[in-house]
Amino acid sequence: MALIVVGGQTKNVGKTTLICNIVSAFPQVKWTAVKISNHAHSPQHCDKLKQGSGWTIWQQSPTTEHGDTARFLRAGADRGLLVQADNQSLKEACAALKQEFASATAVIVESASAAEFLQHDLLLVLLDAEENDFKSSARQQLDRADAFVLRNSDGAVEESIIPGAEVPILTGFPNHLDPRLVVMLAATLGMQV
C-alpha cells in the first residue's frame, strides 16, 4: 500500500483539488482519501467509525454535497474519511486511522500535521506564491517534503518561498497534474506511465 500525504502552506490553498486531481488521474487505484481537520463539527452524510478522547473518524457517504470528503468520492476514491482531532490527540487519531487502511491499495491524506505521525511514501507540500500566511505545521514539513507543488508562480518567487529547495518544484494546475508529478506518483504507486 502506498501512503501519500498532501500538506499545504495555508487554508484554501488547493489541497483538496490536488488530491481530487491525483485520484482522478489514477482511476484504477483503490483509493482511501482522508481529510484531517482540527475543527470539530457534525459532518453531513457521514457515519462515525471510531472515536477517542479528542478525535473522531467519520466515513463519507456518496452525496452531492460540496464537502472535501464528498469531493474525494466524486473524484473516484473508493472511500472518503474525515478525521477530526485536536492537536493533542492527533497522534492517537493517526494510530486509529491506520487500521482503516487494510482494504486500500493507496491512501492519500490531506494534512501537513499528520505527516509527523504517518509513515508516508510521498509527501507533497502545496504552496501559493500569492499567499503570505504560512501555517507552522506546513513550515515544519518543508525539510521532509519529497516535492513542492507551487501555485500562482511566475518562477521568480520560488527562491523566496522555499530557499535552497533540493527536491522537485512542480506546477499546481487547477484541473490536471504536472506531468512530472504523474511520473512521481506512478513510481510511488508501483505503476507504469
Foldseek 3Di string as FASTA:
>chain_A
DAEEEEEEFDPPLCRLLVLLQVCLVCLVFQEEEEEEEQDDDDDPQWDWDDDDVFKTKIKHDADPDPDSQNSNVVSRHNTGMYMHGHPVCLLVSVVVVVVVCVPGLYYYYYHLQCPVRDPHPAYEYEYELVDPGGDPSSVVCLVVHQEYEYEPDPPPCPCVVRNPDPHYYHYDDSNHGGVVVVVVVCVSSVHDD
